[in-house]
Amino acid sequence: MLMVQLGISIEAALARLRAYAFAEGRSLADVAHAVVERTLDLRDDDR
């Protein structure tokens, strides 16, 4: 989903998910689930 939204590679998308999860103290699975459910939009995140 992030790959398409941001036009980035799968490696970059995973790195972005991991960075957000780490910075927010959330699990990677929780962040990924929120992105898929569209309750979290990382397009505006500058991390």
Protein backbone atom coordinates (compact mmCIF):
# COMPACT_ATOMS: atom_id res chain seq x y z
CA MET A 1 0.00 0.00 0.00
CA LEU A 2 2.78 2.46 0.89
CA MET A 3 4.66 1.49 -2.24
CA VAL A 4 1.79 2.73 -4.39
CA GLN A 5 0.87 5.74 -2.25
CA LEU A 6 4.43 7.03 -2.05
CA GLY A 7 5.95 5.56 -5.22
CA ILE A 8 8.76 3.88 -3.27
CA SER A 9 10.39 0.45 -3.21
CA ILE A 10 9.25 -2.33 -0.91
CA GLU A 11 12.46 -1.91 1.09
CA ALA A 12 11.78 1.80 1.59
CA ALA A 13 8.15 1.11 2.54
CA LEU A 14 9.20 -1.42 5.18
CA ALA A 15 11.84 0.98 6.52
CA ARG A 16 9.21 3.71 6.78
CA LEU A 17 6.82 1.40 8.66
CA ARG A 18 9.60 0.33 11.02
CA ALA A 19 10.72 3.91 11.66
CA TYR A 20 7.19 5.02 12.45
CA ALA A 21 6.57 2.05 14.74
CA PHE A 22 9.82 2.65 16.61
CA ALA A 23 9.24 6.40 16.98
CA GLU A 24 5.70 5.90 18.25
CA GLY A 25 6.46 2.92 20.50
CA ARG A 26 4.07 0.70 18.56
CA SER A 27 4.57 -2.75 17.09
CA LEU A 28 5.28 -3.08 13.39
CA ALA A 29 2.20 -5.29 13.03
CA ASP A 30 0.01 -2.64 14.69
CA VAL A 31 1.27 0.09 12.36
CA ALA A 32 0.92 -2.10 9.27
CA HIS A 33 -2.62 -3.02 10.28
CA ALA A 34 -3.52 0.64 10.79
CA VAL A 35 -2.18 1.53 7.33
CA VAL A 36 -4.16 -1.26 5.67
CA GLU A 37 -7.30 -0.29 7.59
CA ARG A 38 -6.69 3.32 6.51
CA THR A 39 -6.72 4.63 10.06
CA LEU A 40 -3.10 5.74 9.68
CA ASP A 41 -1.79 7.71 6.70
CA LEU A 42 1.99 7.86 6.47
CA ARG A 43 2.02 10.03 3.36
CA ASP A 44 2.28 13.15 5.52
CA ASP A 45 4.83 11.72 7.96
CA ASP A 46 8.31 13.26 7.60
CA ARG A 47 10.32 10.53 9.36
